[in-house]
């Protein structure tokens, strides 16, 4: 597995992360009949919040992102993207586990993933279960874990 770390995102990161999102989601959105090259970027840019976003740095270069925000009684994982050359090499699992073990112990984690995405297996390996789904999205939850478990 490549060496990796996290750094705080800044407003300057928004555009390259939007490009990464377009690359990472392209095949799944295309398969679902939902790929729009402008919308995939604009949707991210309109929701980007540097205060809750971390940049994944692997082998000394910016290679991904993850946003983690508290909303109500849960912690939402959003905008978790890794460069294709890092996928399947353990970085995503390590990044995800770092948040699952250090963020808001005792509350559930929530996220959504596109139908048919390979990322779903990553989330299932880390304790997420399907809560609901529609033709495009699968909504998953990792039930709260007792801090003493």
C-alpha atoms as a PDB file:
ATOM      1  CA  UNK A   1       0.000   0.000   0.000  1.00  0.00           C
ATOM      2  CA  UNK A   2       1.321   3.463  -0.831  1.00  0.00           C
ATOM      3  CA  UNK A   3       2.157   5.857   1.988  1.00  0.00           C
ATOM      4  CA  UNK A   4      -0.754   8.225   2.571  1.00  0.00           C
ATOM      5  CA  UNK A   5      -1.798  11.084   4.795  1.00  0.00           C
ATOM      6  CA  UNK A   6      -4.572  13.640   5.034  1.00  0.00           C
ATOM      7  CA  UNK A   7      -4.449  17.405   4.850  1.00  0.00           C
ATOM      8  CA  UNK A   8      -7.150  20.003   5.291  1.00  0.00           C
ATOM      9  CA  UNK A   9      -8.771  21.050   2.041  1.00  0.00           C
ATOM     10  CA  UNK A  10      -8.917  24.651   0.920  1.00  0.00           C
ATOM     11  CA  UNK A  11     -11.077  26.487  -1.602  1.00  0.00           C
ATOM     12  CA  UNK A  12      -8.244  26.008  -4.117  1.00  0.00           C
ATOM     13  CA  UNK A  13      -8.880  22.253  -4.089  1.00  0.00           C
ATOM     14  CA  UNK A  14     -12.459  22.424  -5.349  1.00  0.00           C
ATOM     15  CA  UNK A  15     -11.798  22.296  -9.093  1.00  0.00           C
ATOM     16  CA  UNK A  16      -9.311  19.427  -9.190  1.00  0.00           C
ATOM     17  CA  UNK A  17     -11.540  17.377  -6.860  1.00  0.00           C
ATOM     18  CA  UNK A  18     -14.487  18.099  -9.184  1.00  0.00           C
ATOM     19  CA  UNK A  19     -12.375  16.753 -12.070  1.00  0.00           C
ATOM     20  CA  UNK A  20     -11.434  13.671 -10.055  1.00  0.00           C
ATOM     21  CA  UNK A  21     -15.112  13.114  -9.264  1.00  0.00           C
ATOM     22  CA  UNK A  22     -15.961  13.245 -12.966  1.00  0.00           C
ATOM     23  CA  UNK A  23     -13.305  10.617 -13.728  1.00  0.00           C
ATOM     24  CA  UNK A  24     -14.186   8.333 -10.822  1.00  0.00           C
ATOM     25  CA  UNK A  25     -17.961   8.412 -11.347  1.00  0.00           C
ATOM     26  CA  UNK A  26     -17.961   8.442 -15.156  1.00  0.00           C
ATOM     27  CA  UNK A  27     -18.375   4.702 -15.795  1.00  0.00           C
ATOM     28  CA  UNK A  28     -21.076   4.222 -13.128  1.00  0.00           C
ATOM     29  CA  UNK A  29     -23.035   7.300 -14.186  1.00  0.00           C
ATOM     30  CA  UNK A  30     -22.737   6.298 -17.845  1.00  0.00           C
ATOM     31  CA  UNK A  31     -24.004   2.780 -17.050  1.00  0.00           C
ATOM     32  CA  UNK A  32     -26.949   4.326 -15.179  1.00  0.00           C
ATOM     33  CA  UNK A  33     -27.695   6.690 -18.074  1.00  0.00           C
ATOM     34  CA  UNK A  34     -26.941   9.691 -15.857  1.00  0.00           C
ATOM     35  CA  UNK A  35     -23.563  11.007 -17.000  1.00  0.00           C
ATOM     36  CA  UNK A  36     -23.543  14.692 -17.838  1.00  0.00           C
ATOM     37  CA  UNK A  37     -20.005  16.151 -17.996  1.00  0.00           C
ATOM     38  CA  UNK A  38     -21.101  19.580 -16.800  1.00  0.00           C
ATOM     39  CA  UNK A  39     -23.530  18.442 -14.115  1.00  0.00           C
ATOM     40  CA  UNK A  40     -21.111  15.944 -12.532  1.00  0.00           C
ATOM     41  CA  UNK A  41     -18.657  18.763 -11.874  1.00  0.00           C
ATOM     42  CA  UNK A  42     -21.179  21.477 -11.021  1.00  0.00           C
ATOM     43  CA  UNK A  43     -22.991  19.292  -8.520  1.00  0.00           C
ATOM     44  CA  UNK A  44     -19.753  18.846  -6.596  1.00  0.00           C
ATOM     45  CA  UNK A  45     -18.727  22.503  -6.834  1.00  0.00           C
ATOM     46  CA  UNK A  46     -22.089  23.677  -5.500  1.00  0.00           C
ATOM     47  CA  UNK A  47     -21.785  21.372  -2.471  1.00  0.00           C
ATOM     48  CA  UNK A  48     -18.048  21.674  -1.741  1.00  0.00           C
ATOM     49  CA  UNK A  49     -17.266  22.651   1.840  1.00  0.00           C
ATOM     50  CA  UNK A  50     -13.544  22.899   2.569  1.00  0.00           C
ATOM     51  CA  UNK A  51     -14.203  22.949   6.317  1.00  0.00           C
ATOM     52  CA  UNK A  52     -15.374  19.315   6.337  1.00  0.00           C
ATOM     53  CA  UNK A  53     -13.144  18.026   3.538  1.00  0.00           C
ATOM     54  CA  UNK A  54      -9.763  16.360   3.759  1.00  0.00           C
ATOM     55  CA  UNK A  55      -7.439  15.751   0.839  1.00  0.00           C
ATOM     56  CA  UNK A  56      -5.877  12.300   0.583  1.00  0.00           C
ATOM     57  CA  UNK A  57      -2.170  12.633  -0.155  1.00  0.00           C
ATOM     58  CA  UNK A  58      -0.511   9.454  -1.446  1.00  0.00           C
ATOM     59  CA  UNK A  59       3.112   9.146  -2.458  1.00  0.00           C
ATOM     60  CA  UNK A  60       3.523  12.906  -1.946  1.00  0.00           C
ATOM     61  CA  UNK A  61       0.716  13.993  -4.303  1.00  0.00           C
ATOM     62  CA  UNK A  62      -2.923  14.965  -3.910  1.00  0.00           C
ATOM     63  CA  UNK A  63      -4.812  11.830  -4.878  1.00  0.00           C
ATOM     64  CA  UNK A  64      -8.282  11.953  -3.383  1.00  0.00           C
ATOM     65  CA  UNK A  65     -10.779  13.510  -1.032  1.00  0.00           C
ATOM     66  CA  UNK A  66     -13.211  12.682   1.725  1.00  0.00           C
ATOM     67  CA  UNK A  67     -15.768  14.918   3.408  1.00  0.00           C
ATOM     68  CA  UNK A  68     -17.110  13.994   6.826  1.00  0.00           C
ATOM     69  CA  UNK A  69     -19.856  16.040   8.427  1.00  0.00           C
ATOM     70  CA  UNK A  70     -22.126  15.691  11.415  1.00  0.00           C
ATOM     71  CA  UNK A  71     -25.821  15.998  10.582  1.00  0.00           C
ATOM     72  CA  UNK A  72     -28.441  15.258  13.187  1.00  0.00           C
ATOM     73  CA  UNK A  73     -27.764  11.959  14.878  1.00  0.00           C
ATOM     74  CA  UNK A  74     -25.253  10.676  12.324  1.00  0.00           C
ATOM     75  CA  UNK A  75     -21.946  11.362  10.629  1.00  0.00           C
ATOM     76  CA  UNK A  76     -22.141  11.525   6.823  1.00  0.00           C
ATOM     77  CA  UNK A  77     -19.272  10.424   4.616  1.00  0.00           C
ATOM     78  CA  UNK A  78     -19.395  12.284   1.321  1.00  0.00           C
ATOM     79  CA  UNK A  79     -17.205  13.014  -1.681  1.00  0.00           C
ATOM     80  CA  UNK A  80     -14.886  10.084  -1.038  1.00  0.00           C
ATOM     81  CA  UNK A  81     -12.897   9.786  -4.258  1.00  0.00           C
ATOM     82  CA  UNK A  82      -9.514   8.241  -4.974  1.00  0.00           C
ATOM     83  CA  UNK A  83      -7.467   8.438  -8.139  1.00  0.00           C
ATOM     84  CA  UNK A  84      -8.077   5.292 -10.206  1.00  0.00           C
ATOM     85  CA  UNK A  85      -4.447   4.174  -9.869  1.00  0.00           C
ATOM     86  CA  UNK A  86      -4.892   3.987  -6.073  1.00  0.00           C
ATOM     87  CA  UNK A  87      -8.151   2.065  -6.102  1.00  0.00           C
ATOM     88  CA  UNK A  88      -7.851  -1.526  -4.940  1.00  0.00           C
ATOM     89  CA  UNK A  89      -4.510  -0.929  -3.206  1.00  0.00           C
ATOM     90  CA  UNK A  90      -5.772  -0.546   0.384  1.00  0.00           C
ATOM     91  CA  UNK A  91      -5.677   3.239   0.610  1.00  0.00           C
ATOM     92  CA  UNK A  92      -9.460   3.653   0.553  1.00  0.00           C
ATOM     93  CA  UNK A  93      -9.906   1.091   3.327  1.00  0.00           C
ATOM     94  CA  UNK A  94      -7.224   2.739   5.458  1.00  0.00           C
ATOM     95  CA  UNK A  95      -8.678   6.229   4.990  1.00  0.00           C
ATOM     96  CA  UNK A  96     -12.212   5.047   5.734  1.00  0.00           C
ATOM     97  CA  UNK A  97     -11.142   3.126   8.848  1.00  0.00           C
ATOM     98  CA  UNK A  98      -9.266   6.184  10.133  1.00  0.00           C
ATOM     99  CA  UNK A  99     -12.534   8.122  10.192  1.00  0.00           C
ATOM    100  CA  UNK A 100     -14.673   5.267  11.469  1.00  0.00           C
ATOM    101  CA  UNK A 101     -12.412   4.819  14.491  1.00  0.00           C
ATOM    102  CA  UNK A 102     -11.761   8.461  15.313  1.00  0.00           C
ATOM    103  CA  UNK A 103     -14.946  10.358  14.520  1.00  0.00           C
ATOM    104  CA  UNK A 104     -17.947  10.728  16.817  1.00  0.00           C
ATOM    105  CA  UNK A 105     -17.796   7.389  18.587  1.00  0.00           C
ATOM    106  CA  UNK A 106     -21.207   5.952  19.298  1.00  0.00           C
ATOM    107  CA  UNK A 107     -23.091   7.534  16.394  1.00  0.00           C
ATOM    108  CA  UNK A 108     -24.027   5.877  13.113  1.00  0.00           C
ATOM    109  CA  UNK A 109     -22.249   6.701   9.882  1.00  0.00           C
ATOM    110  CA  UNK A 110     -24.242   7.215   6.691  1.00  0.00           C
ATOM    111  CA  UNK A 111     -23.376   7.487   3.015  1.00  0.00           C
ATOM    112  CA  UNK A 112     -24.746   6.793  -0.402  1.00  0.00           C
ATOM    113  CA  UNK A 113     -23.109   5.046  -3.307  1.00  0.00           C
ATOM    114  CA  UNK A 114     -24.210   4.635  -6.915  1.00  0.00           C
ATOM    115  CA  UNK A 115     -25.996   1.421  -7.863  1.00  0.00           C
ATOM    116  CA  UNK A 116     -23.466  -1.101  -9.155  1.00  0.00           C
ATOM    117  CA  UNK A 117     -20.426   0.809  -7.874  1.00  0.00           C
ATOM    118  CA  UNK A 118     -17.413  -1.274  -6.830  1.00  0.00           C
ATOM    119  CA  UNK A 119     -17.112   1.074  -3.824  1.00  0.00           C
ATOM    120  CA  UNK A 120     -20.111  -0.651  -2.236  1.00  0.00           C
ATOM    121  CA  UNK A 121     -17.914  -3.661  -1.394  1.00  0.00           C
ATOM    122  CA  UNK A 122     -15.487  -1.364   0.448  1.00  0.00           C
ATOM    123  CA  UNK A 123     -18.298  -0.017   2.590  1.00  0.00           C
ATOM    124  CA  UNK A 124     -19.766  -3.456   3.267  1.00  0.00           C
ATOM    125  CA  UNK A 125     -16.331  -4.737   4.387  1.00  0.00           C
ATOM    126  CA  UNK A 126     -16.308  -1.893   6.887  1.00  0.00           C
ATOM    127  CA  UNK A 127     -19.675  -2.649   8.471  1.00  0.00           C
ATOM    128  CA  UNK A 128     -22.086  -0.635   6.325  1.00  0.00           C
ATOM    129  CA  UNK A 129     -25.445  -2.186   5.476  1.00  0.00           C
ATOM    130  CA  UNK A 130     -28.091  -1.148   2.981  1.00  0.00           C
ATOM    131  CA  UNK A 131     -30.754   1.019   4.526  1.00  0.00           C
ATOM    132  CA  UNK A 132     -32.659   1.852   1.338  1.00  0.00           C
ATOM    133  CA  UNK A 133     -32.093   2.180  -2.373  1.00  0.00           C
ATOM    134  CA  UNK A 134     -33.569   3.616  -5.506  1.00  0.00           C
ATOM    135  CA  UNK A 135     -32.715   3.069  -9.189  1.00  0.00           C
ATOM    136  CA  UNK A 136     -29.616   5.314  -8.899  1.00  0.00           C
ATOM    137  CA  UNK A 137     -28.408   5.343  -5.271  1.00  0.00           C
ATOM    138  CA  UNK A 138     -27.852   2.869  -2.468  1.00  0.00           C
ATOM    139  CA  UNK A 139     -28.145   4.476   0.964  1.00  0.00           C
ATOM    140  CA  UNK A 140     -26.019   2.744   3.560  1.00  0.00           C
ATOM    141  CA  UNK A 141     -25.567   3.007   7.297  1.00  0.00           C
ATOM    142  CA  UNK A 142     -22.972   1.712   9.681  1.00  0.00           C
ATOM    143  CA  UNK A 143     -24.912   1.351  12.912  1.00  0.00           C
ATOM    144  CA  UNK A 144     -23.462   3.027  15.914  1.00  0.00           C
ATOM    145  CA  UNK A 145     -20.806   1.081  17.681  1.00  0.00           C
ATOM    146  CA  UNK A 146     -20.497   1.212  21.424  1.00  0.00           C
ATOM    147  CA  UNK A 147     -17.269   2.953  22.409  1.00  0.00           C
ATOM    148  CA  UNK A 148     -16.585   0.000  24.728  1.00  0.00           C
ATOM    149  CA  UNK A 149     -17.034  -2.686  22.078  1.00  0.00           C
END
